[in-house]
Amino acid sequence: SFQQSKSAYNQTQGVAAQSVQANPGDIINYTLTYQNTGSVNLTNVVITDDLSGILPYADVINAGDGSLSGNTITYPAISVPAGVSISKTFQVKVRDVSASSGILTMTNTYGNQVSVQIRPPTVKGASIPPKTGPAENFALIFAGALTGGLYVFKKVRQLKTR
């Protein structure tokens, strides 16, 4: 008999990957653990993991001693002595994702389910240029006329007081 389990560690942020939102460019280390819980040695154990819940959001950058074919990572056959755990690690790098990608979660199951949230992209607000047109031009003309009128008024007043 055996048990399988999986963990994820955000190497970039230095914490368990499930405890934070991953950013584009973050490196996530996934560790697959195969534990022989029986009393006899197991031979020709092949550790495989379906990465179809990860690969839409990240690229495998280090498969360890495994190989990636399609959505599946496979490690060479090994013997696992009774009561011993064997771990295999691979790394992925989180891609830039678009807001239209839907649910931004890398979900993977190997014995247990591990879900890593991805930080949604920031949507920048629309830039609204200043309005220019007839109304604004009128305001400028009015302001100019008012300033000119005040100037003339002051000059006439100065001339009268002399």
N, C-alpha and C. Protein backbone atom coordinates (compact mmCIF):
# COMPACT_ATOMS: atom_id res chain seq x y z
N SER A 1 0.84 -1.18 0.00
CA SER A 1 0.00 0.00 0.00
C SER A 1 0.88 1.25 0.00
N PHE A 2 0.32 2.34 -0.45
CA PHE A 2 1.10 3.57 -0.58
C PHE A 2 0.18 4.78 -0.42
N GLN A 3 0.80 5.94 -0.21
CA GLN A 3 0.09 7.22 -0.15
C GLN A 3 0.82 8.20 -1.05
N GLN A 4 0.03 9.07 -1.67
CA GLN A 4 0.59 10.12 -2.50
C GLN A 4 0.17 11.46 -1.92
N SER A 5 1.08 12.43 -1.97
CA SER A 5 0.73 13.78 -1.53
C SER A 5 1.54 14.78 -2.33
N LYS A 6 1.06 16.01 -2.30
CA LYS A 6 1.67 17.08 -3.07
C LYS A 6 1.70 18.34 -2.23
N SER A 7 2.77 19.13 -2.41
CA SER A 7 2.85 20.44 -1.77
C SER A 7 3.37 21.43 -2.80
N ALA A 8 3.14 22.71 -2.53
CA ALA A 8 3.59 23.78 -3.42
C ALA A 8 4.20 24.89 -2.59
N TYR A 9 5.34 25.38 -3.04
CA TYR A 9 6.07 26.44 -2.33
C TYR A 9 6.40 27.55 -3.32
N ASN A 10 6.02 28.78 -2.97
CA ASN A 10 6.33 29.92 -3.82
C ASN A 10 7.75 30.37 -3.48
N GLN A 11 8.69 29.96 -4.31
CA GLN A 11 10.10 30.25 -4.07
C GLN A 11 10.37 31.76 -4.14
N THR A 12 9.71 32.44 -5.03
CA THR A 12 9.92 33.88 -5.20
C THR A 12 9.52 34.65 -3.95
N GLN A 13 8.37 34.31 -3.37
CA GLN A 13 7.87 35.02 -2.19
C GLN A 13 8.31 34.38 -0.88
N GLY A 14 8.86 33.16 -0.95
CA GLY A 14 9.38 32.49 0.24
C GLY A 14 8.33 31.98 1.20
N VAL A 15 7.16 31.57 0.67
CA VAL A 15 6.08 31.07 1.53
C VAL A 15 5.36 29.91 0.84
N ALA A 16 4.53 29.20 1.61
CA ALA A 16 3.69 28.16 1.02
C ALA A 16 2.83 28.80 -0.06
N ALA A 17 2.80 28.18 -1.22
CA ALA A 17 2.14 28.79 -2.38
C ALA A 17 0.64 28.99 -2.17
N GLN A 18 0.00 28.18 -1.34
CA GLN A 18 -1.44 28.34 -1.12
C GLN A 18 -1.76 29.52 -0.21
N SER A 19 -0.75 30.08 0.46
CA SER A 19 -1.01 31.16 1.43
C SER A 19 -0.95 32.55 0.83
N VAL A 20 -0.53 32.68 -0.44
CA VAL A 20 -0.44 33.98 -1.09
C VAL A 20 -0.92 33.87 -2.53
N GLN A 21 -1.19 35.01 -3.15
CA GLN A 21 -1.49 35.01 -4.58
C GLN A 21 -0.16 35.07 -5.33
N ALA A 22 -0.04 34.21 -6.33
CA ALA A 22 1.17 34.20 -7.15
C ALA A 22 1.12 35.34 -8.15
N ASN A 23 2.25 35.97 -8.36
CA ASN A 23 2.39 37.04 -9.34
C ASN A 23 3.01 36.49 -10.62
N PRO A 24 2.75 37.13 -11.74
CA PRO A 24 3.45 36.72 -12.96
C PRO A 24 4.97 36.76 -12.71
N GLY A 25 5.65 35.71 -13.13
CA GLY A 25 7.10 35.62 -12.93
C GLY A 25 7.49 34.84 -11.69
N ASP A 26 6.54 34.60 -10.76
CA ASP A 26 6.88 33.83 -9.56
C ASP A 26 7.25 32.39 -9.94
N ILE A 27 8.19 31.83 -9.20
CA ILE A 27 8.61 30.44 -9.37
C ILE A 27 7.92 29.62 -8.27
N ILE A 28 7.19 28.60 -8.70
CA ILE A 28 6.49 27.71 -7.76
C ILE A 28 7.17 26.34 -7.83
N ASN A 29 7.57 25.84 -6.67
CA ASN A 29 8.15 24.49 -6.57
C ASN A 29 7.05 23.54 -6.11
N TYR A 30 6.76 22.54 -6.93
CA TYR A 30 5.82 21.49 -6.56
C TYR A 30 6.60 20.26 -6.16
N THR A 31 6.20 19.66 -5.04
CA THR A 31 6.86 18.44 -4.58
C THR A 31 5.83 17.32 -4.51
N LEU A 32 6.12 16.23 -5.24
CA LEU A 32 5.28 15.04 -5.23
C LEU A 32 5.93 14.04 -4.28
N THR A 33 5.16 13.52 -3.34
CA THR A 33 5.71 12.55 -2.39
C THR A 33 4.95 11.23 -2.52
N TYR A 34 5.71 10.18 -2.69
CA TYR A 34 5.16 8.82 -2.79
C TYR A 34 5.69 8.07 -1.58
N GLN A 35 4.78 7.62 -0.72
CA GLN A 35 5.18 6.94 0.51
C GLN A 35 4.71 5.49 0.48
N ASN A 36 5.66 4.57 0.65
CA ASN A 36 5.34 3.15 0.75
C ASN A 36 4.92 2.90 2.20
N THR A 37 3.62 2.73 2.43
CA THR A 37 3.10 2.52 3.78
C THR A 37 2.98 1.04 4.13
N GLY A 38 3.37 0.19 3.19
CA GLY A 38 3.27 -1.25 3.41
C GLY A 38 4.53 -1.82 4.07
N SER A 39 4.56 -3.15 4.13
CA SER A 39 5.69 -3.85 4.77
C SER A 39 6.59 -4.55 3.76
N VAL A 40 6.30 -4.38 2.48
CA VAL A 40 7.16 -4.98 1.45
C VAL A 40 7.69 -3.87 0.53
N ASN A 41 8.85 -4.16 -0.07
CA ASN A 41 9.44 -3.21 -1.01
C ASN A 41 8.60 -3.17 -2.29
N LEU A 42 8.42 -1.98 -2.85
CA LEU A 42 7.70 -1.82 -4.10
C LEU A 42 8.73 -1.55 -5.20
N THR A 43 8.60 -2.24 -6.32
CA THR A 43 9.54 -2.05 -7.42
C THR A 43 8.81 -1.49 -8.63
N ASN A 44 9.59 -0.88 -9.50
CA ASN A 44 9.06 -0.29 -10.73
C ASN A 44 7.92 0.71 -10.49
N VAL A 45 8.09 1.53 -9.46
CA VAL A 45 7.11 2.57 -9.17
C VAL A 45 7.38 3.74 -10.12
N VAL A 46 6.37 4.13 -10.88
CA VAL A 46 6.49 5.27 -11.78
C VAL A 46 5.61 6.39 -11.22
N ILE A 47 6.23 7.51 -10.91
CA ILE A 47 5.50 8.67 -10.40
C ILE A 47 5.13 9.53 -11.60
N THR A 48 3.83 9.80 -11.75
CA THR A 48 3.34 10.66 -12.83
C THR A 48 2.36 11.67 -12.24
N ASP A 49 2.26 12.81 -12.88
CA ASP A 49 1.34 13.84 -12.42
C ASP A 49 0.76 14.56 -13.63
N ASP A 50 -0.55 14.70 -13.65
CA ASP A 50 -1.25 15.42 -14.72
C ASP A 50 -1.23 16.91 -14.38
N LEU A 51 -0.59 17.72 -15.22
CA LEU A 51 -0.43 19.15 -14.96
C LEU A 51 -1.42 20.01 -15.75
N SER A 52 -2.51 19.42 -16.21
CA SER A 52 -3.45 20.18 -17.05
C SER A 52 -4.10 21.35 -16.30
N GLY A 53 -4.11 21.33 -14.98
CA GLY A 53 -4.65 22.45 -14.21
C GLY A 53 -3.61 23.52 -13.91
N ILE A 54 -2.36 23.27 -14.29
CA ILE A 54 -1.27 24.22 -14.04
C ILE A 54 -0.79 24.88 -15.32
N LEU A 55 -0.65 24.08 -16.38
CA LEU A 55 -0.01 24.57 -17.61
C LEU A 55 -0.73 25.71 -18.33
N PRO A 56 -2.03 25.92 -18.15
CA PRO A 56 -2.62 27.11 -18.78
C PRO A 56 -2.10 28.42 -18.18
N TYR A 57 -1.51 28.36 -16.97
CA TYR A 57 -1.08 29.56 -16.25
C TYR A 57 0.42 29.64 -16.03
N ALA A 58 1.14 28.56 -16.27
CA ALA A 58 2.57 28.53 -15.95
C ALA A 58 3.30 27.59 -16.91
N ASP A 59 4.60 27.82 -17.01
CA ASP A 59 5.47 26.97 -17.83
C ASP A 59 6.40 26.18 -16.93
N VAL A 60 6.60 24.90 -17.24
CA VAL A 60 7.57 24.09 -16.49
C VAL A 60 8.95 24.59 -16.89
N ILE A 61 9.73 25.01 -15.90
CA ILE A 61 11.08 25.50 -16.19
C ILE A 61 12.15 24.53 -15.70
N ASN A 62 11.75 23.58 -14.84
CA ASN A 62 12.68 22.56 -14.36
C ASN A 62 11.87 21.32 -13.99
N ALA A 63 12.03 20.26 -14.74
CA ALA A 63 11.27 19.03 -14.49
C ALA A 63 12.00 18.08 -13.56
N GLY A 64 13.12 18.52 -12.99
CA GLY A 64 13.91 17.61 -12.16
C GLY A 64 14.41 16.48 -13.03
N ASP A 65 14.29 15.25 -12.56
CA ASP A 65 14.70 14.11 -13.40
C ASP A 65 13.51 13.53 -14.17
N GLY A 66 12.41 14.28 -14.21
CA GLY A 66 11.23 13.83 -14.94
C GLY A 66 11.22 14.39 -16.34
N SER A 67 10.26 13.93 -17.11
CA SER A 67 10.09 14.46 -18.47
C SER A 67 8.62 14.82 -18.67
N LEU A 68 8.42 15.88 -19.44
CA LEU A 68 7.08 16.38 -19.69
C LEU A 68 6.65 15.94 -21.08
N SER A 69 5.50 15.31 -21.15
CA SER A 69 4.93 14.90 -22.43
C SER A 69 3.46 15.31 -22.41
N GLY A 70 3.11 16.29 -23.26
CA GLY A 70 1.75 16.82 -23.21
C GLY A 70 1.54 17.51 -21.89
N ASN A 71 0.52 17.09 -21.15
CA ASN A 71 0.22 17.68 -19.84
C ASN A 71 0.74 16.84 -18.67
N THR A 72 1.50 15.79 -18.95
CA THR A 72 1.90 14.85 -17.90
C THR A 72 3.40 14.86 -17.69
N ILE A 73 3.80 14.96 -16.41
CA ILE A 73 5.20 14.83 -16.06
C ILE A 73 5.39 13.41 -15.52
N THR A 74 6.43 12.73 -15.99
CA THR A 74 6.68 11.34 -15.62
C THR A 74 8.12 11.20 -15.16
N TYR A 75 8.31 10.48 -14.07
CA TYR A 75 9.65 10.22 -13.53
C TYR A 75 10.02 8.76 -13.78
N PRO A 76 11.32 8.48 -13.93
CA PRO A 76 11.76 7.11 -14.19
C PRO A 76 11.33 6.15 -13.06
N ALA A 77 11.13 4.89 -13.43
CA ALA A 77 10.72 3.86 -12.47
C ALA A 77 11.78 3.73 -11.37
N ILE A 78 11.28 3.56 -10.14
CA ILE A 78 12.16 3.42 -8.98
C ILE A 78 11.63 2.32 -8.06
N SER A 79 12.49 1.89 -7.14
CA SER A 79 12.07 0.98 -6.07
C SER A 79 11.89 1.80 -4.81
N VAL A 80 10.83 1.50 -4.07
CA VAL A 80 10.55 2.23 -2.84
C VAL A 80 10.48 1.22 -1.71
N PRO A 81 11.50 1.22 -0.84
CA PRO A 81 11.50 0.28 0.28
C PRO A 81 10.31 0.50 1.22
N ALA A 82 9.94 -0.52 1.96
CA ALA A 82 8.83 -0.45 2.92
C ALA A 82 9.08 0.68 3.92
N GLY A 83 8.04 1.48 4.16
CA GLY A 83 8.13 2.56 5.15
C GLY A 83 8.90 3.79 4.69
N VAL A 84 9.28 3.86 3.42
CA VAL A 84 10.10 4.97 2.92
C VAL A 84 9.26 5.88 2.02
N SER A 85 9.59 7.18 2.06
CA SER A 85 8.96 8.17 1.18
C SER A 85 9.98 8.64 0.15
N ILE A 86 9.52 8.79 -1.06
CA ILE A 86 10.33 9.33 -2.15
C ILE A 86 9.66 10.61 -2.62
N SER A 87 10.45 11.67 -2.80
CA SER A 87 9.90 12.94 -3.27
C SER A 87 10.54 13.34 -4.59
N LYS A 88 9.73 13.91 -5.46
CA LYS A 88 10.17 14.44 -6.74
C LYS A 88 9.68 15.88 -6.83
N THR A 89 10.55 16.76 -7.31
CA THR A 89 10.20 18.18 -7.37
C THR A 89 10.34 18.70 -8.79
N PHE A 90 9.40 19.57 -9.17
CA PHE A 90 9.51 20.28 -10.44
C PHE A 90 9.14 21.74 -10.18
N GLN A 91 9.59 22.62 -11.08
CA GLN A 91 9.34 24.05 -10.94
C GLN A 91 8.56 24.59 -12.13
N VAL A 92 7.68 25.54 -11.83
CA VAL A 92 6.98 26.26 -12.89
C VAL A 92 7.16 27.75 -12.66
N LYS A 93 7.04 28.50 -13.75
CA LYS A 93 7.09 29.96 -13.68
C LYS A 93 5.73 30.48 -14.14
N VAL A 94 5.09 31.28 -13.28
CA VAL A 94 3.76 31.81 -13.55
C VAL A 94 3.83 32.81 -14.70
N ARG A 95 2.92 32.64 -15.66
CA ARG A 95 2.85 33.52 -16.83
C ARG A 95 2.02 34.76 -16.52
N ASP A 96 2.15 35.78 -17.38
CA ASP A 96 1.21 36.90 -17.36
C ASP A 96 -0.13 36.34 -17.81
N VAL A 97 -1.18 36.69 -17.11
CA VAL A 97 -2.50 36.21 -17.49
C VAL A 97 -3.39 37.40 -17.79
N SER A 98 -4.39 37.18 -18.60
CA SER A 98 -5.32 38.27 -18.91
C SER A 98 -6.52 38.18 -17.98
N ALA A 99 -7.19 39.31 -17.84
CA ALA A 99 -8.37 39.36 -16.97
C ALA A 99 -9.48 38.44 -17.50
N SER A 100 -9.42 38.11 -18.78
CA SER A 100 -10.47 37.27 -19.36
C SER A 100 -10.14 35.78 -19.22
N SER A 101 -9.09 35.45 -18.48
CA SER A 101 -8.70 34.05 -18.31
C SER A 101 -9.67 33.27 -17.42
N GLY A 102 -10.64 33.93 -16.85
CA GLY A 102 -11.61 33.24 -15.99
C GLY A 102 -11.06 33.07 -14.59
N ILE A 103 -11.24 31.89 -14.02
CA ILE A 103 -10.78 31.60 -12.68
C ILE A 103 -9.26 31.51 -12.71
N LEU A 104 -8.60 32.32 -11.92
CA LEU A 104 -7.15 32.37 -11.93
C LEU A 104 -6.58 31.52 -10.80
N THR A 105 -6.74 30.21 -10.94
CA THR A 105 -6.26 29.27 -9.94
C THR A 105 -5.61 28.09 -10.63
N MET A 106 -4.39 27.79 -10.20
CA MET A 106 -3.72 26.57 -10.66
C MET A 106 -4.11 25.47 -9.68
N THR A 107 -4.85 24.49 -10.17
CA THR A 107 -5.31 23.41 -9.31
C THR A 107 -4.72 22.10 -9.80
N ASN A 108 -4.20 21.30 -8.86
CA ASN A 108 -3.57 20.05 -9.22
C ASN A 108 -3.79 19.05 -8.10
N THR A 109 -3.99 17.80 -8.49
CA THR A 109 -4.20 16.74 -7.51
C THR A 109 -3.19 15.63 -7.73
N TYR A 110 -2.51 15.29 -6.66
CA TYR A 110 -1.63 14.12 -6.60
C TYR A 110 -1.79 13.60 -5.17
N GLY A 111 -2.79 12.77 -4.96
CA GLY A 111 -3.14 12.34 -3.61
C GLY A 111 -4.03 13.37 -2.94
N ASN A 112 -3.56 14.56 -2.80
CA ASN A 112 -4.35 15.67 -2.26
C ASN A 112 -4.41 16.77 -3.31
N GLN A 113 -5.35 17.67 -3.15
CA GLN A 113 -5.50 18.78 -4.10
C GLN A 113 -4.74 20.00 -3.59
N VAL A 114 -4.00 20.62 -4.48
CA VAL A 114 -3.27 21.86 -4.17
C VAL A 114 -3.76 22.93 -5.14
N SER A 115 -4.24 24.04 -4.58
CA SER A 115 -4.72 25.16 -5.40
C SER A 115 -3.90 26.39 -5.09
N VAL A 116 -3.36 27.00 -6.15
CA VAL A 116 -2.56 28.22 -6.02
C VAL A 116 -3.28 29.34 -6.77
N GLN A 117 -3.66 30.37 -6.03
CA GLN A 117 -4.34 31.53 -6.62
C GLN A 117 -3.32 32.41 -7.36
N ILE A 118 -3.75 32.98 -8.48
CA ILE A 118 -2.91 33.89 -9.24
C ILE A 118 -3.52 35.28 -9.12
N ARG A 119 -2.65 36.26 -8.82
CA ARG A 119 -3.12 37.64 -8.68
C ARG A 119 -3.70 38.11 -10.02
N PRO A 120 -4.94 38.60 -10.01
CA PRO A 120 -5.52 39.09 -11.26
C PRO A 120 -4.77 40.32 -11.76
N PRO A 121 -4.73 40.50 -13.06
CA PRO A 121 -4.03 41.67 -13.59
C PRO A 121 -4.76 42.95 -13.19
N THR A 122 -4.02 44.02 -13.04
CA THR A 122 -4.59 45.31 -12.71
C THR A 122 -5.17 45.92 -13.97
N VAL A 123 -6.42 46.32 -13.89
CA VAL A 123 -7.07 46.96 -15.03
C VAL A 123 -6.90 48.46 -14.84
N LYS A 124 -6.22 49.08 -15.76
CA LYS A 124 -5.96 50.51 -15.69
C LYS A 124 -7.23 51.27 -16.06
N GLY A 125 -7.47 52.38 -15.36
CA GLY A 125 -8.64 53.22 -15.65
C GLY A 125 -8.49 53.90 -17.00
N ALA A 126 -9.59 54.27 -17.55
CA ALA A 126 -9.59 54.96 -18.84
C ALA A 126 -9.07 56.38 -18.66
N SER A 127 -8.27 56.84 -19.58
CA SER A 127 -7.74 58.19 -19.55
C SER A 127 -8.72 59.10 -20.29
N ILE A 128 -9.15 60.15 -19.61
CA ILE A 128 -10.09 61.08 -20.23
C ILE A 128 -9.33 62.39 -20.49
N PRO A 129 -9.10 62.70 -21.76
CA PRO A 129 -8.37 63.93 -22.07
C PRO A 129 -9.23 65.15 -21.73
N PRO A 130 -8.56 66.29 -21.49
CA PRO A 130 -9.34 67.49 -21.19
C PRO A 130 -10.19 67.89 -22.39
N LYS A 131 -11.35 68.43 -22.09
CA LYS A 131 -12.26 68.83 -23.16
C LYS A 131 -11.80 70.14 -23.77
N THR A 132 -11.84 70.17 -25.07
CA THR A 132 -11.59 71.42 -25.77
C THR A 132 -12.66 71.54 -26.84
N GLY A 133 -13.15 72.69 -27.00
CA GLY A 133 -14.21 72.89 -27.99
C GLY A 133 -14.83 74.24 -27.81
N PRO A 134 -15.99 74.46 -28.41
CA PRO A 134 -16.63 75.78 -28.40
C PRO A 134 -16.87 76.33 -27.00
N ALA A 135 -17.33 75.51 -26.07
CA ALA A 135 -17.62 76.02 -24.73
C ALA A 135 -16.34 76.48 -24.04
N GLU A 136 -15.28 75.72 -24.16
CA GLU A 136 -14.02 76.08 -23.53
C GLU A 136 -13.43 77.32 -24.20
N ASN A 137 -13.56 77.40 -25.53
CA ASN A 137 -13.06 78.58 -26.24
C ASN A 137 -13.82 79.83 -25.80
N PHE A 138 -15.13 79.71 -25.61
CA PHE A 138 -15.93 80.83 -25.14
C PHE A 138 -15.45 81.29 -23.78
N ALA A 139 -15.15 80.34 -22.90
CA ALA A 139 -14.68 80.69 -21.56
C ALA A 139 -13.36 81.44 -21.64
N LEU A 140 -12.47 81.01 -22.53
CA LEU A 140 -11.19 81.71 -22.69
C LEU A 140 -11.40 83.12 -23.23
N ILE A 141 -12.28 83.26 -24.21
CA ILE A 141 -12.56 84.58 -24.79
C ILE A 141 -13.18 85.49 -23.73
N PHE A 142 -14.12 84.96 -22.95
CA PHE A 142 -14.75 85.74 -21.89
C PHE A 142 -13.73 86.18 -20.85
N ALA A 143 -12.86 85.26 -20.44
CA ALA A 143 -11.84 85.59 -19.44
C ALA A 143 -10.89 86.66 -19.99
N GLY A 144 -10.54 86.54 -21.27
CA GLY A 144 -9.67 87.54 -21.88
C GLY A 144 -10.35 88.90 -21.95
N ALA A 145 -11.61 88.91 -22.34
CA ALA A 145 -12.36 90.17 -22.44
C ALA A 145 -12.51 90.81 -21.07
N LEU A 146 -12.78 90.02 -20.05
CA LEU A 146 -12.93 90.54 -18.70
C LEU A 146 -11.62 91.15 -18.22
N THR A 147 -10.52 90.45 -18.46
CA THR A 147 -9.20 90.96 -18.06
C THR A 147 -8.90 92.26 -18.80
N GLY A 148 -9.17 92.25 -20.10
CA GLY A 148 -8.94 93.47 -20.89
C GLY A 148 -9.81 94.62 -20.41
N GLY A 149 -11.08 94.34 -20.10
CA GLY A 149 -12.00 95.37 -19.61
C GLY A 149 -11.53 95.95 -18.30
N LEU A 150 -11.03 95.10 -17.38
CA LEU A 150 -10.53 95.59 -16.09
C LEU A 150 -9.30 96.47 -16.30
N TYR A 151 -8.46 96.08 -17.24
CA TYR A 151 -7.26 96.87 -17.52
C TYR A 151 -7.66 98.27 -18.03
N VAL A 152 -8.59 98.30 -18.97
CA VAL A 152 -9.04 99.58 -19.52
C VAL A 152 -9.70 100.42 -18.43
N PHE A 153 -10.53 99.80 -17.59
CA PHE A 153 -11.19 100.51 -16.51
C PHE A 153 -10.17 101.15 -15.57
N LYS A 154 -9.10 100.38 -15.22
CA LYS A 154 -8.06 100.90 -14.34
C LYS A 154 -7.35 102.09 -14.98
N LYS A 155 -7.04 101.98 -16.26
CA LYS A 155 -6.33 103.05 -16.96
C LYS A 155 -7.20 104.33 -17.00
N VAL A 156 -8.48 104.16 -17.31
CA VAL A 156 -9.37 105.32 -17.36
C VAL A 156 -9.46 105.96 -15.98
N ARG A 157 -9.53 105.18 -14.96
CA ARG A 157 -9.61 105.69 -13.59
C ARG A 157 -8.34 106.45 -13.22
N GLN A 158 -7.20 105.89 -13.63
CA GLN A 158 -5.92 106.58 -13.34
C GLN A 158 -5.85 107.91 -14.06
N LEU A 159 -6.35 107.97 -15.28
CA LEU A 159 -6.31 109.21 -16.04
C LEU A 159 -7.22 110.28 -15.40
N LYS A 160 -8.34 109.86 -14.86
CA LYS A 160 -9.28 110.81 -14.23
C LYS A 160 -8.69 111.37 -12.93
N THR A 161 -7.90 110.60 -12.22
CA THR A 161 -7.39 111.06 -10.93
C THR A 161 -6.16 111.94 -11.10
N ARG A 162 -5.65 112.13 -12.24
CA ARG A 162 -4.48 112.96 -12.46
C ARG A 162 -4.83 114.37 -12.56
